[in-house]
Protein backbone atom coordinates (compact mmCIF):
# COMPACT_ATOMS: atom_id res chain seq x y z
CA MET A 1 2.67 19.80 -2.10
CA LYS A 2 5.91 18.56 -0.95
CA PRO A 3 7.16 15.60 -3.17
CA ILE A 4 7.70 12.09 -1.67
CA PRO A 5 11.31 10.48 -2.81
CA VAL A 6 10.90 7.08 -4.17
CA THR A 7 14.11 5.83 -2.44
CA SER A 8 12.83 7.02 1.02
CA SER A 9 9.12 5.84 0.87
CA ARG A 10 7.82 5.29 4.41
CA LEU A 11 7.01 1.78 3.52
CA GLN A 12 10.55 1.11 2.76
CA ARG A 13 11.64 2.62 6.15
CA VAL A 14 9.04 0.56 8.25
CA LEU A 15 10.37 -2.64 6.70
CA LEU A 16 13.82 -1.67 7.31
CA GLU A 17 13.04 -1.04 10.97
CA LEU A 18 11.21 -4.34 10.94
CA ALA A 19 14.44 -6.23 9.72
CA VAL A 20 12.78 -7.99 7.29
CA VAL A 21 14.53 -6.74 4.49
CA ASP A 22 18.20 -5.39 3.98
CA GLY A 23 19.84 -2.53 2.49
CA GLU A 24 18.44 0.81 0.70
CA LEU A 25 18.07 1.13 -2.91
CA SER A 26 20.10 4.09 -4.47
CA GLN A 27 18.39 6.27 -7.13
CA ILE A 28 20.75 4.55 -10.03
CA GLN A 29 19.56 1.05 -8.78
CA PHE A 30 15.88 2.15 -8.83
CA ALA A 31 16.56 3.45 -12.25
CA ASP A 32 18.12 0.24 -13.35
CA LYS A 33 15.28 -2.06 -11.99
CA LEU A 34 12.61 0.20 -13.38
CA GLY A 35 14.06 -0.43 -16.94
CA GLU A 36 14.35 -4.13 -16.37
CA LEU A 37 10.89 -4.13 -15.49
CA ILE A 38 9.38 -2.95 -19.06
CA SER A 39 9.60 -5.75 -21.52
CA LEU A 40 10.36 -4.92 -25.25
CA SER A 41 6.50 -5.29 -26.12
CA ASP A 42 5.95 -2.83 -23.34
CA ALA A 43 8.21 -0.56 -24.46
CA ILE A 44 6.98 -0.47 -27.73
CA VAL A 45 3.51 0.12 -26.53
CA LEU A 46 4.78 3.21 -24.56
CA ALA A 47 6.90 4.56 -27.28
CA GLU A 48 3.62 4.55 -29.69
CA SER A 49 1.79 6.26 -26.66
CA LEU A 50 4.45 8.91 -26.74
CA ARG A 51 4.52 9.60 -30.41
CA GLY A 52 0.62 9.87 -30.36
CA LEU A 53 0.36 12.19 -27.66
CA LYS A 54 1.04 15.74 -29.78
CA LYS A 55 -1.60 14.27 -32.71
CA LYS A 56 -4.15 13.48 -29.94
CA PRO A 57 -6.97 15.99 -30.52
CA PHE A 58 -7.72 18.28 -27.18
CA THR A 59 -11.25 19.10 -26.25
CA ALA A 60 -11.31 21.82 -22.98
CA ALA A 61 -14.04 20.36 -20.28
CA GLU A 62 -13.74 22.14 -17.27
CA SER A 63 -14.77 19.30 -14.79
CA SER A 64 -16.88 20.00 -11.71
CA ASP A 65 -14.57 18.16 -9.65
CA ASN A 66 -11.91 19.92 -7.67
CA ALA A 67 -8.77 17.51 -7.90
CA ASN A 68 -7.54 18.07 -4.59
CA THR A 69 -10.93 17.62 -2.82
CA VAL A 70 -11.48 14.43 -4.62
CA PHE A 71 -7.87 13.31 -3.60
CA LEU A 72 -8.30 14.19 0.38
CA GLN A 73 -11.96 12.62 0.53
CA ALA A 74 -10.73 9.33 -0.96
CA ARG A 75 -7.35 9.31 0.89
CA ALA A 76 -9.28 9.83 4.35
CA GLU A 77 -11.91 7.04 3.51
CA MET A 78 -9.08 4.65 2.61
CA LEU A 79 -7.29 5.24 5.86
CA GLY A 80 -10.48 5.42 7.76
CA PHE A 81 -11.01 1.91 6.17
CA ILE A 82 -7.67 0.60 7.45
CA VAL A 83 -7.86 1.72 10.89
CA ASN A 84 -11.64 1.06 11.46
CA SER A 85 -10.44 -2.89 10.38
CA PHE A 86 -8.08 -3.45 13.38
CA VAL A 87 -10.77 -4.76 15.34
CA LEU A 88 -10.87 -8.04 16.79
CA GLU A 89 -13.42 -10.25 15.25
CA GLY A 90 -16.26 -10.87 17.45
CA ASP A 91 -16.02 -7.08 19.00
CA GLU A 92 -18.42 -4.18 17.89
CA ALA A 93 -16.62 -2.75 14.45
CA PRO A 94 -16.74 1.11 13.80
CA ALA A 95 -19.10 2.53 11.32
CA GLY A 96 -17.43 2.11 7.89
CA GLY A 97 -15.93 -1.14 8.45
CA ALA A 98 -16.50 -4.35 6.58
CA SER A 99 -16.99 -8.01 8.21
CA SER A 100 -14.42 -9.23 5.92
CA PHE A 101 -11.78 -7.21 6.83
CA ILE A 102 -12.03 -7.46 10.62
CA LEU A 103 -8.77 -8.42 12.39
CA PRO A 104 -8.57 -12.21 12.99
CA ARG A 105 -9.05 -13.17 16.70
CA PRO A 106 -6.00 -15.35 18.02
CA ASN A 107 -6.34 -19.15 18.98
CA ARG A 108 -3.59 -21.95 19.97
CA ASP A 109 -2.33 -22.21 16.73
CA THR A 110 -1.22 -18.75 16.69
CA LEU A 111 1.39 -19.40 18.77
CA ASP A 112 1.97 -23.20 18.82
CA ASP A 113 1.99 -23.38 14.80
CA PRO A 114 2.90 -20.14 13.55
CA ASN A 115 2.66 -21.34 10.02
CA ALA A 116 -0.94 -22.04 10.53
CA GLY A 117 -1.27 -19.24 12.79
CA PHE A 118 -0.27 -16.24 10.29
CA VAL A 119 -2.53 -17.67 7.30
CA ALA A 120 -5.43 -15.44 8.76
CA TYR A 121 -3.45 -12.59 9.08
CA GLN A 122 -2.17 -13.21 5.59
CA ARG A 123 -5.26 -13.26 4.16
CA PHE A 124 -6.20 -10.18 6.19
CA TYR A 125 -3.54 -8.33 4.97
CA SER A 126 -4.16 -9.33 1.24
CA LEU A 127 -7.74 -8.44 1.11
CA HIS A 128 -6.56 -5.04 2.38
CA GLN A 129 -4.50 -4.78 -0.26
CA SER A 130 -6.81 -5.79 -3.10
CA GLU A 131 -9.17 -3.06 -1.61
CA MET A 132 -6.54 -0.52 -1.68
CA ASP A 133 -5.72 -1.39 -5.29
CA HIS A 134 -9.19 -1.19 -6.74
CA ARG A 135 -9.52 2.31 -4.59
CA VAL A 136 -6.36 3.69 -5.93
CA VAL A 137 -6.91 2.88 -9.67
CA THR A 138 -10.54 4.27 -9.30
CA LEU A 139 -9.02 7.74 -8.21
CA ARG A 140 -5.97 7.69 -10.48
CA ARG A 141 -8.83 7.37 -13.34
CA GLN A 142 -11.11 10.21 -12.02
CA LEU A 143 -7.59 12.52 -11.77
CA GLN A 144 -6.82 11.57 -15.11
CA HIS A 145 -10.18 12.66 -16.45
CA ILE A 146 -10.06 15.89 -14.64
CA MET A 147 -6.56 16.28 -16.23
CA ALA A 148 -7.69 15.63 -19.65
CA GLY A 149 -9.87 18.53 -19.84
CA ARG A 150 -7.80 21.26 -18.32
CA THR A 151 -4.76 21.70 -20.74
CA PRO A 152 -3.29 20.17 -24.02
CA GLU A 153 -0.27 19.47 -21.76
CA LEU A 154 -2.01 17.88 -18.76
CA ALA A 155 -4.30 16.08 -21.13
CA GLN A 156 -0.99 14.24 -22.79
CA LEU A 157 0.17 13.50 -19.08
CA ALA A 158 -3.04 11.92 -18.21
CA ALA A 159 -2.85 9.83 -21.32
CA LEU A 160 0.71 9.26 -20.65
CA ASP A 161 -0.02 8.25 -17.20
CA SER A 162 -3.04 5.87 -18.10
CA SER A 163 -0.36 3.89 -20.42
CA MET A 164 2.30 3.58 -17.55
CA ALA A 165 -0.01 2.56 -15.37
CA ASP A 166 -1.47 -0.20 -17.46
CA THR A 167 2.18 -1.27 -18.23
CA MET A 168 3.09 -1.47 -14.80
CA ALA A 169 -0.14 -2.77 -13.03
CA ASP A 170 0.91 -6.41 -13.24
CA PHE A 171 4.36 -5.83 -11.59
CA SER A 172 3.16 -3.47 -9.15
CA ARG A 173 0.71 -6.33 -7.98
CA ARG A 174 3.37 -8.73 -7.96
CA ALA A 175 5.69 -6.74 -5.97
CA PHE A 176 3.03 -5.54 -3.57
CA ALA A 177 2.04 -9.47 -3.10
CA GLY A 178 5.41 -9.79 -1.58
CA ILE A 179 4.80 -7.85 1.33
CA PRO A 180 2.53 -10.30 3.60
CA HIS A 181 5.71 -12.75 3.18
CA LEU A 182 8.08 -9.90 4.94
CA LEU A 183 5.46 -9.84 7.63
CA ALA A 184 5.15 -13.59 8.06
CA LYS A 185 9.30 -13.37 8.96
CA ARG A 186 8.55 -10.69 11.44
CA PHE A 187 5.43 -12.67 12.80
CA TYR A 188 7.71 -16.02 13.03
CA SER A 189 10.51 -13.85 14.55
CA LEU A 190 8.39 -12.44 17.27
CA ASN A 191 6.40 -15.64 18.04
CA GLN A 192 9.79 -17.65 18.54
CA GLN A 193 11.36 -14.77 20.85
CA TYR A 194 8.00 -14.98 23.06
CA ARG A 195 8.04 -19.05 23.07
CA GLN A 196 11.76 -18.84 24.18
CA GLU A 197 11.22 -16.28 26.48
CA ARG A 198 8.62 -18.40 28.31
CA LEU A 199 11.15 -21.52 28.26
CA ASN A 200 13.61 -18.98 29.93
CA ASP A 201 11.07 -18.45 32.56
CA GLY A 202 10.50 -22.38 32.93
CA ALA A 203 7.18 -22.73 30.90
CA THR A 204 7.36 -26.33 29.48
CA SER A 205 3.60 -25.99 28.10
CA SER A 206 1.57 -23.48 26.40
CA VAL A 207 -1.79 -24.78 27.91
CA ALA A 208 -1.12 -22.37 30.76
CA ASP A 209 -0.65 -19.28 28.01
CA ASP A 210 -3.60 -17.22 27.49
CA ALA A 211 -4.09 -15.39 24.23
CA SER A 212 -4.96 -12.34 26.28
CA LEU A 213 -1.46 -11.87 27.50
CA TRP A 214 -0.32 -11.65 23.93
CA LEU A 215 -2.78 -8.64 22.92
CA LYS A 216 -1.81 -6.85 26.24
CA LYS A 217 0.18 -3.34 25.28
CA ASP A 218 3.51 -4.38 24.07
CA GLY A 219 2.42 -8.18 24.35
CA TRP A 220 4.17 -9.95 21.23
CA LEU A 221 0.80 -10.18 19.13
CA ASP A 222 -0.13 -6.74 19.93
CA ARG A 223 3.34 -5.68 18.66
CA PHE A 224 2.61 -7.45 15.53
CA ILE A 225 -0.72 -6.20 14.80
CA ARG A 226 0.77 -2.64 15.38
CA GLU A 227 3.88 -3.05 13.07
CA MET A 228 1.02 -4.85 10.28
CA GLN A 229 -1.21 -1.83 10.61
CA ALA A 230 1.86 0.76 10.01
CA VAL A 231 3.13 -1.26 7.08
CA LEU A 232 -0.41 -0.79 5.46
CA LEU A 233 -0.60 2.75 5.87
CA ALA A 234 2.97 3.18 4.81
CA GLU A 235 2.06 0.76 1.50
CA LEU A 236 -1.02 2.95 1.12
CA GLU A 237 1.27 6.16 0.83
CA LEU A 238 3.32 4.54 -1.73
CA ARG A 239 0.55 3.28 -3.75
CA LEU A 240 -0.62 6.95 -3.70
CA MET A 241 2.58 8.34 -5.24
CA PRO A 242 1.58 8.63 -8.51
CA VAL A 243 -1.74 10.19 -7.95
CA ILE A 244 0.09 12.64 -5.54
CA GLY A 245 2.18 13.33 -8.87
CA MET A 246 -0.50 13.89 -11.03
CA LEU A 247 -1.59 16.59 -8.34
CA GLU A 248 1.40 18.15 -8.60
CA ALA A 249 1.18 18.86 -12.10
CA LEU A 250 -2.01 20.25 -11.80
CA GLU A 251 -0.84 22.32 -9.11
CA PHE A 252 2.05 23.54 -11.41
CA GLU A 253 -0.11 24.39 -14.17
CA VAL A 254 -2.40 26.44 -12.16
CA GLU A 255 1.15 28.51 -11.02
CA LYS A 256 1.63 29.02 -14.38
CA THR A 257 -1.68 30.56 -15.27
CA GLN A 258 -1.46 33.12 -12.45
């Protein structure tokens, strides 16, 4: 499995393309920033976890679950959940969707009052983030369980990953919570651009405008919705990186024994 570089994640590239973030994070900056995120108390907990790894007794327990199968199935379900939710409220939703995750249908506020108009899309995205967080945590624990019974080295890695996940959980949630605010900047930009184009064309009121025009291919709202889906999928990829790292460790151990 090919590793995904942290400094060139798809989420970072997508946000850069949408012009809602500036610059790239170098590898040196990333290491410095990561160090700043771990408080003294967290560092002590991690240090104690590291010291206790080799002392922890190992009990072999071959799991009946295949790690790759578990990962691929969970990822497919998460991808399907995201894609199936991009159906306008009131339209027939695909199987496997949830009513609370159906894409909001636009109204007059969507154009005339961008702040109020974005609220529904912010809620939609934030709900997806909560769902992703839950599913990725569940998947990560499943793989930790599989690893814990394979070899002493993998058991140690699983224990360390569990400690690291607990340490970084709060920061991760706060960091990902900033994405809807970046999407808001994009929403306002597209909204303003469309309103300006209408004024340039001589339109003086939004009364004659129609939400169906915004949702036509390459319409301003259609564009935003497609970009929002791209950001969601890129965020999922980034959230899965620790899990992919665990899979790579498992594959490495299998290769060593062959």
